[in-house]
């Protein structure tokens, strides 16, 4: 191929396109020289259109593959999330049942503790009476003897 030259107008800048001859085993390269507002000319390499389209297509296929793998991972995470959600609902129900049972057991414990206190008092009275081998007078109110038990018994007899 020989050198060719073309002039075009792009937004007020003049672009010159040069095509260089392809050497054996090398690809053809297009050099663009663009004039800037300050008057400098900068060369820019442009890849061939087919190579650019192939690169875009390869990137697109790679992205689609990654998007499919991400979609699969999202589905797996959704399944795991549903399992965890089911477990949470079951756990909430179990906790609610346990709270009800604990409240019932607390009420029963208060009642049992009260009854145990009463029974301890009765046992203590019974032990006190049996230890001293005293006579027990039934039918009198508690502490009816006052300060002198002997005087009360003499008066009563």
Protein backbone atom coordinates (compact mmCIF):
# COMPACT_ATOMS: atom_id res chain seq x y z
CA UNK A 1 0.00 0.00 0.00
CA UNK A 2 1.13 3.50 -0.64
CA UNK A 3 0.74 6.61 1.46
CA UNK A 4 -2.61 8.32 1.27
CA UNK A 5 -3.65 11.64 2.73
CA UNK A 6 -7.12 12.88 3.63
CA UNK A 7 -8.28 16.16 5.24
CA UNK A 8 -11.42 16.41 7.34
CA UNK A 9 -12.93 19.03 9.58
CA UNK A 10 -13.81 17.97 13.15
CA UNK A 11 -15.19 20.70 15.40
CA UNK A 12 -12.92 23.31 13.94
CA UNK A 13 -9.77 21.15 14.13
CA UNK A 14 -8.09 19.83 11.00
CA UNK A 15 -7.33 16.12 11.03
CA UNK A 16 -4.83 14.52 8.69
CA UNK A 17 -5.00 10.75 8.27
CA UNK A 18 -1.92 8.90 7.09
CA UNK A 19 -1.89 5.21 6.26
CA UNK A 20 1.47 3.54 6.59
CA UNK A 21 2.37 0.53 4.45
CA UNK A 22 2.12 -2.82 6.26
CA UNK A 23 5.31 -4.75 6.62
CA UNK A 24 5.34 -8.52 6.54
CA UNK A 25 3.96 -9.96 9.82
CA UNK A 26 2.77 -6.57 11.13
CA UNK A 27 -0.68 -5.12 11.15
CA UNK A 28 -1.57 -1.95 9.36
CA UNK A 29 -1.62 1.06 11.66
CA UNK A 30 -3.43 4.31 11.12
CA UNK A 31 -1.84 7.45 12.52
CA UNK A 32 -3.96 10.47 13.09
CA UNK A 33 -2.54 13.90 13.56
CA UNK A 34 -4.86 16.40 15.12
CA UNK A 35 -4.24 20.10 15.43
CA UNK A 36 -5.07 21.62 18.79
CA UNK A 37 -5.98 25.18 19.65
CA UNK A 38 -2.41 25.97 20.63
CA UNK A 39 -1.17 24.83 17.24
CA UNK A 40 0.57 21.62 18.37
CA UNK A 41 0.17 18.44 16.35
CA UNK A 42 -0.01 15.16 18.34
CA UNK A 43 0.12 11.72 16.69
CA UNK A 44 -2.47 9.16 17.96
CA UNK A 45 -2.43 5.43 17.07
CA UNK A 46 -5.80 4.01 16.06
CA UNK A 47 -6.29 0.20 16.18
CA UNK A 48 -8.09 -1.45 13.36
CA UNK A 49 -11.88 -1.50 13.63
CA UNK A 50 -12.16 -5.30 13.52
CA UNK A 51 -9.69 -5.69 16.39
CA UNK A 52 -11.57 -3.12 18.44
CA UNK A 53 -14.90 -4.85 17.80
CA UNK A 54 -13.35 -8.22 18.71
CA UNK A 55 -11.98 -6.79 21.95
CA UNK A 56 -15.38 -5.28 22.81
CA UNK A 57 -17.11 -8.59 22.03
CA UNK A 58 -14.61 -10.49 24.19
CA UNK A 59 -15.16 -8.07 27.07
CA UNK A 60 -18.90 -8.39 26.64
CA UNK A 61 -18.75 -12.20 26.75
CA UNK A 62 -16.53 -12.10 29.83
CA UNK A 63 -18.93 -9.72 31.57
CA UNK A 64 -21.92 -11.88 30.65
CA UNK A 65 -20.14 -14.93 32.10
CA UNK A 66 -19.35 -13.08 35.30
CA UNK A 67 -22.91 -11.76 35.52
CA UNK A 68 -24.25 -15.33 35.20
CA UNK A 69 -21.95 -16.52 37.97
CA UNK A 70 -23.00 -13.57 40.14
CA UNK A 71 -26.67 -14.40 39.44
CA UNK A 72 -26.07 -18.01 40.55
CA UNK A 73 -24.35 -16.79 43.72
CA UNK A 74 -27.27 -14.43 44.43
CA UNK A 75 -29.74 -17.32 44.03
CA UNK A 76 -27.70 -19.44 46.44
CA UNK A 77 -27.61 -16.58 48.92
CA UNK A 78 -31.39 -16.18 48.60
CA UNK A 79 -31.88 -19.88 49.38
CA UNK A 80 -29.60 -19.57 52.41
CA UNK A 81 -31.44 -16.44 53.52
CA UNK A 82 -34.79 -18.24 53.28
CA UNK A 83 -33.44 -21.11 55.38
CA UNK A 84 -32.15 -18.68 58.01
CA UNK A 85 -35.46 -16.81 57.95
CA UNK A 86 -37.37 -20.06 58.57
CA UNK A 87 -35.05 -20.90 61.46
CA UNK A 88 -35.56 -17.44 62.95
CA UNK A 89 -39.36 -17.83 62.81
CA UNK A 90 -39.14 -21.25 64.47
CA UNK A 91 -36.81 -19.86 67.12
CA UNK A 92 -39.16 -16.94 67.80
CA UNK A 93 -42.00 -19.39 68.42
CA UNK A 94 -39.84 -21.49 70.73
CA UNK A 95 -38.71 -18.42 72.68
CA UNK A 96 -42.32 -17.29 73.10
CA UNK A 97 -43.31 -20.72 74.45
CA UNK A 98 -40.34 -20.75 76.81
CA UNK A 99 -41.19 -17.29 78.15
CA UNK A 100 -44.73 -18.44 78.94
CA UNK A 101 -43.40 -21.54 80.67
CA UNK A 102 -40.84 -19.51 82.68
CA UNK A 103 -43.56 -17.12 83.85
CA UNK A 104 -45.70 -20.07 84.98
CA UNK A 105 -42.76 -21.65 86.79
CA UNK A 106 -41.96 -18.35 88.55
CA UNK A 107 -45.52 -18.14 89.89
CA UNK A 108 -45.35 -21.74 91.07
CA UNK A 109 -41.97 -21.10 92.71
CA UNK A 110 -43.41 -18.16 94.69
CA UNK A 111 -46.28 -20.34 95.89
CA UNK A 112 -43.99 -23.24 96.81
CA UNK A 113 -41.58 -20.91 98.65
CA UNK A 114 -44.46 -19.46 100.66
CA UNK A 115 -45.75 -22.92 101.59
CA UNK A 116 -42.23 -24.07 102.48
CA UNK A 117 -41.88 -21.11 104.88
CA UNK A 118 -45.14 -22.02 106.58
CA UNK A 119 -44.12 -25.67 106.89
CA UNK A 120 -40.73 -24.69 108.31
CA UNK A 121 -42.49 -22.68 111.03
CA UNK A 122 -44.71 -25.67 111.89
CA UNK A 123 -41.75 -28.05 112.01
CA UNK A 124 -39.82 -25.65 114.22
CA UNK A 125 -42.75 -25.42 116.64
CA UNK A 126 -43.08 -29.21 116.69
CA UNK A 127 -39.34 -29.69 117.31
CA UNK A 128 -39.35 -27.07 120.06
CA UNK A 129 -42.22 -28.75 121.81
CA UNK A 130 -40.76 -32.27 121.57
CA UNK A 131 -37.27 -31.22 122.71
CA UNK A 132 -38.36 -29.74 126.01
CA UNK A 133 -40.80 -32.51 126.95
CA UNK A 134 -43.24 -29.82 127.97
CA UNK A 135 -46.95 -30.16 128.38
CA UNK A 136 -48.86 -28.69 125.56
CA UNK A 137 -52.08 -26.85 126.28
CA UNK A 138 -54.43 -26.75 123.34
CA UNK A 139 -57.35 -24.37 122.96
CA UNK A 140 -55.68 -21.26 124.33
CA UNK A 141 -54.63 -18.41 122.11
CA UNK A 142 -50.93 -18.07 121.52
CA UNK A 143 -49.13 -16.01 124.18
CA UNK A 144 -52.20 -16.07 126.42
CA UNK A 145 -49.96 -16.85 129.44
CA UNK A 146 -48.41 -13.41 129.35
CA UNK A 147 -45.12 -12.89 131.21
CA UNK A 148 -45.58 -15.64 133.80
CA UNK A 149 -46.47 -19.09 132.51
CA UNK A 150 -46.53 -20.61 136.01
CA UNK A 151 -49.09 -18.06 137.30
CA UNK A 152 -51.29 -18.64 134.21
CA UNK A 153 -51.29 -22.44 134.71
CA UNK A 154 -52.03 -22.07 138.44
CA UNK A 155 -54.93 -19.75 137.69
CA UNK A 156 -56.29 -22.00 134.99
CA UNK A 157 -56.06 -25.21 137.01
